[in-house]
């Protein structure tokens, strides 16, 4: 039986990398508008880059060596504490945010649960912000990391909707997605995309 990740990998292999990036950027923007989440261009670009980085790489478990993600987060935290600089903390925040959004159903069923991922992510981005704020060159990125830390739940919800839209995980419910969409035009687009739309002509005849 082909796994969801394998199915996406096969479809993704047929699409040039720049197309995937453009798709994710578009869906991120739609989802932020739909949920009334505002962010500056720097934050939107960072989130798009985060999504592209994870979805364009091979399966996530190849990087973890078969380790459970919550265990990987703990190891990344220990490594970040032993190193200088913000990179370890920002990588930790990125993984926590991506998993919380794109694989939310797995996180909810995991041993540690969603709060663990949120706490780790917010803490990691906060530490990265503190480190970058101490350097003159890092003030701008520190502001970005602070925003990611402060609004982690909002950005997680945005990523969850993006995951529904691009069908990274088929366990996401179409009903849940439609329930989040406020714009009737977007509901129309989703149903048409999934091949579930019945068109009614002005004559009243079903097509």
Protein backbone atom coordinates (compact mmCIF):
# COMPACT_ATOMS: atom_id res chain seq x y z
CA UNK A 1 0.00 0.00 0.00
CA UNK A 2 1.40 3.42 -0.97
CA UNK A 3 1.70 5.83 1.93
CA UNK A 4 0.41 9.40 1.78
CA UNK A 5 3.97 10.73 1.92
CA UNK A 6 5.02 8.46 -0.97
CA UNK A 7 2.02 9.55 -3.03
CA UNK A 8 2.85 13.21 -2.53
CA UNK A 9 6.53 12.54 -3.30
CA UNK A 10 5.60 11.01 -6.66
CA UNK A 11 3.35 13.92 -7.60
CA UNK A 12 5.93 16.43 -6.37
CA UNK A 13 8.67 14.82 -8.47
CA UNK A 14 6.78 15.82 -11.60
CA UNK A 15 6.70 19.52 -10.62
CA UNK A 16 9.73 21.81 -10.93
CA UNK A 17 10.97 23.18 -7.61
CA UNK A 18 10.06 26.75 -8.47
CA UNK A 19 6.46 25.68 -9.16
CA UNK A 20 6.20 24.07 -5.73
CA UNK A 21 7.53 27.25 -4.12
CA UNK A 22 5.04 29.38 -6.06
CA UNK A 23 2.18 27.06 -5.13
CA UNK A 24 3.05 27.19 -1.45
CA UNK A 25 3.42 30.97 -1.55
CA UNK A 26 -0.01 31.34 -3.13
CA UNK A 27 -1.72 28.95 -0.73
CA UNK A 28 -0.03 30.58 2.27
CA UNK A 29 -1.34 33.97 1.19
CA UNK A 30 -4.87 32.61 0.66
CA UNK A 31 -4.90 30.89 4.04
CA UNK A 32 -3.62 33.97 5.87
CA UNK A 33 -6.30 36.11 4.23
CA UNK A 34 -8.96 33.53 5.01
CA UNK A 35 -8.02 33.42 8.69
CA UNK A 36 -7.41 37.17 8.88
CA UNK A 37 -3.77 36.65 9.93
CA UNK A 38 -1.62 39.63 9.03
CA UNK A 39 2.15 39.45 8.55
CA UNK A 40 4.78 41.56 6.84
CA UNK A 41 6.56 40.47 3.68
CA UNK A 42 9.59 39.19 5.58
CA UNK A 43 7.49 36.84 7.72
CA UNK A 44 5.48 35.60 4.74
CA UNK A 45 8.67 34.95 2.79
CA UNK A 46 10.17 33.09 5.76
CA UNK A 47 7.09 30.87 6.12
CA UNK A 48 7.05 30.11 2.40
CA UNK A 49 10.73 29.20 2.54
CA UNK A 50 10.11 27.00 5.57
CA UNK A 51 7.35 25.08 3.76
CA UNK A 52 9.40 24.71 0.58
CA UNK A 53 12.43 23.49 2.52
CA UNK A 54 10.51 20.69 4.20
CA UNK A 55 8.25 19.65 1.33
CA UNK A 56 11.05 19.59 -1.25
CA UNK A 57 13.34 17.41 0.83
CA UNK A 58 12.98 13.65 1.06
CA UNK A 59 10.71 12.14 3.68
CA UNK A 60 11.24 13.75 7.07
CA UNK A 61 11.93 10.43 8.77
CA UNK A 62 15.11 10.06 6.71
CA UNK A 63 16.56 13.05 8.54
CA UNK A 64 15.48 11.77 11.95
CA UNK A 65 16.97 8.30 11.54
CA UNK A 66 13.63 6.72 12.50
CA UNK A 67 13.48 8.73 15.73
CA UNK A 68 10.07 9.98 16.91
CA UNK A 69 9.71 13.67 16.13
CA UNK A 70 9.27 14.71 19.77
CA UNK A 71 12.52 12.92 20.56
CA UNK A 72 14.19 14.67 17.64
CA UNK A 73 12.98 18.02 18.99
CA UNK A 74 14.48 17.24 22.38
CA UNK A 75 17.82 16.32 20.80
CA UNK A 76 17.79 19.48 18.70
CA UNK A 77 17.13 21.53 21.83
CA UNK A 78 20.06 19.93 23.65
CA UNK A 79 22.30 20.55 20.62
CA UNK A 80 21.15 24.17 20.29
CA UNK A 81 22.00 24.82 23.94
CA UNK A 82 25.52 23.48 23.45
CA UNK A 83 26.24 25.61 20.39
CA UNK A 84 26.79 29.29 19.83
CA UNK A 85 24.44 31.24 17.61
CA UNK A 86 20.76 31.12 16.79
CA UNK A 87 20.72 28.51 14.00
CA UNK A 88 20.00 25.53 16.22
CA UNK A 89 17.07 27.28 17.86
CA UNK A 90 15.59 28.56 14.59
CA UNK A 91 15.82 25.04 13.07
CA UNK A 92 14.04 23.68 16.13
CA UNK A 93 11.29 26.28 15.84
CA UNK A 94 10.89 25.55 12.13
CA UNK A 95 10.46 21.81 12.66
CA UNK A 96 7.98 22.30 15.51
CA UNK A 97 5.93 24.74 13.42
CA UNK A 98 5.96 22.58 10.30
CA UNK A 99 4.93 19.42 12.14
CA UNK A 100 2.26 21.25 14.14
CA UNK A 101 0.70 22.63 10.97
CA UNK A 102 1.23 20.10 8.20
CA UNK A 103 0.86 16.97 10.32
CA UNK A 104 -1.45 18.26 13.03
CA UNK A 105 -3.43 15.03 13.29
CA UNK A 106 -0.23 13.10 14.00
CA UNK A 107 0.83 15.68 16.58
CA UNK A 108 -2.56 15.47 18.32
CA UNK A 109 -2.19 11.69 18.54
CA UNK A 110 1.46 11.77 19.54
CA UNK A 111 2.81 10.88 22.97
CA UNK A 112 3.64 14.50 23.84
CA UNK A 113 0.72 16.26 22.18
CA UNK A 114 0.25 19.68 20.51
CA UNK A 115 1.18 21.76 23.54
CA UNK A 116 4.66 20.25 23.66
CA UNK A 117 5.28 21.20 20.04
CA UNK A 118 3.90 24.69 20.57
CA UNK A 119 5.95 25.25 23.72
CA UNK A 120 9.12 24.00 22.04
CA UNK A 121 8.50 26.12 18.96
CA UNK A 122 7.72 29.32 20.83
CA UNK A 123 10.68 28.85 23.15
CA UNK A 124 13.05 28.12 20.27
CA UNK A 125 12.05 31.15 18.23
CA UNK A 126 12.20 33.28 21.37
CA UNK A 127 15.76 32.14 22.14
CA UNK A 128 16.78 32.73 18.53
CA UNK A 129 15.34 36.25 18.74
CA UNK A 130 17.21 37.00 21.96
CA UNK A 131 20.51 35.85 20.45
CA UNK A 132 20.06 37.82 17.24
CA UNK A 133 18.97 40.95 19.11
CA UNK A 134 22.40 41.14 20.75
CA UNK A 135 24.09 41.81 17.41
CA UNK A 136 23.65 44.97 15.39
CA UNK A 137 23.24 42.99 12.17
CA UNK A 138 20.57 40.73 13.66
CA UNK A 139 17.93 43.24 14.74
CA UNK A 140 15.66 42.62 11.76
CA UNK A 141 15.75 38.83 11.97
CA UNK A 142 15.25 39.10 15.73
CA UNK A 143 11.98 40.92 15.08
CA UNK A 144 10.91 38.15 12.71
CA UNK A 145 11.71 35.40 15.22
CA UNK A 146 9.83 37.31 17.94
CA UNK A 147 6.78 37.46 15.68
CA UNK A 148 6.98 33.71 15.01
CA UNK A 149 7.26 33.04 18.74
CA UNK A 150 4.44 35.35 19.79
CA UNK A 151 2.00 34.18 17.11
CA UNK A 152 3.02 30.54 16.83
CA UNK A 153 -0.59 29.22 17.23
CA UNK A 154 -1.91 31.54 14.51
CA UNK A 155 0.82 30.56 12.04
CA UNK A 156 0.33 26.89 12.93
CA UNK A 157 -3.36 27.18 12.01
CA UNK A 158 -2.44 28.84 8.72
CA UNK A 159 -0.06 26.02 7.85
CA UNK A 160 -2.72 23.45 8.71
CA UNK A 161 -5.05 25.02 6.17
CA UNK A 162 -2.26 25.09 3.58
CA UNK A 163 -1.73 21.38 4.19
CA UNK A 164 -5.40 20.74 3.50
CA UNK A 165 -5.25 22.74 0.29
CA UNK A 166 -2.19 21.05 -1.20
CA UNK A 167 -3.20 17.59 0.06
CA UNK A 168 0.07 16.82 1.81
CA UNK A 169 -1.88 14.64 4.21
CA UNK A 170 -5.05 12.90 3.07
CA UNK A 171 -6.15 12.40 6.68
CA UNK A 172 -7.12 16.06 6.80
CA UNK A 173 -10.87 16.36 6.46
CA UNK A 174 -12.40 18.20 3.53
CA UNK A 175 -15.29 19.11 5.82
CA UNK A 176 -12.89 20.77 8.26
CA UNK A 177 -11.27 22.69 5.41
CA UNK A 178 -14.57 23.93 4.02
CA UNK A 179 -15.63 24.92 7.53
CA UNK A 180 -12.61 27.23 7.77
CA UNK A 181 -13.09 28.91 4.41
CA UNK A 182 -15.01 32.19 4.68
CA UNK A 183 -14.97 33.17 1.01
CA UNK A 184 -17.63 31.35 -1.08
CA UNK A 185 -15.35 31.67 -4.11
CA UNK A 186 -12.67 29.67 -2.32
CA UNK A 187 -15.23 26.96 -1.43
CA UNK A 188 -16.09 26.85 -5.13
CA UNK A 189 -12.39 26.53 -6.03
CA UNK A 190 -11.80 23.72 -3.53
CA UNK A 191 -14.79 21.70 -4.73
CA UNK A 192 -13.82 22.22 -8.36
CA UNK A 193 -10.23 21.22 -7.59
CA UNK A 194 -11.42 18.01 -5.93
CA UNK A 195 -13.78 17.25 -8.84
CA UNK A 196 -16.82 17.49 -6.57
CA UNK A 197 -18.61 20.48 -8.12
CA UNK A 198 -21.91 20.09 -9.99
CA UNK A 199 -22.37 23.02 -12.37
CA UNK A 200 -25.86 24.43 -12.78
CA UNK A 201 -26.36 26.42 -15.97
CA UNK A 202 -28.68 29.40 -16.02
CA UNK A 203 -31.19 27.27 -17.94
CA UNK A 204 -31.48 25.15 -14.80
CA UNK A 205 -30.07 22.04 -16.42
CA UNK A 206 -27.48 20.02 -14.54
CA UNK A 207 -24.23 19.56 -16.45
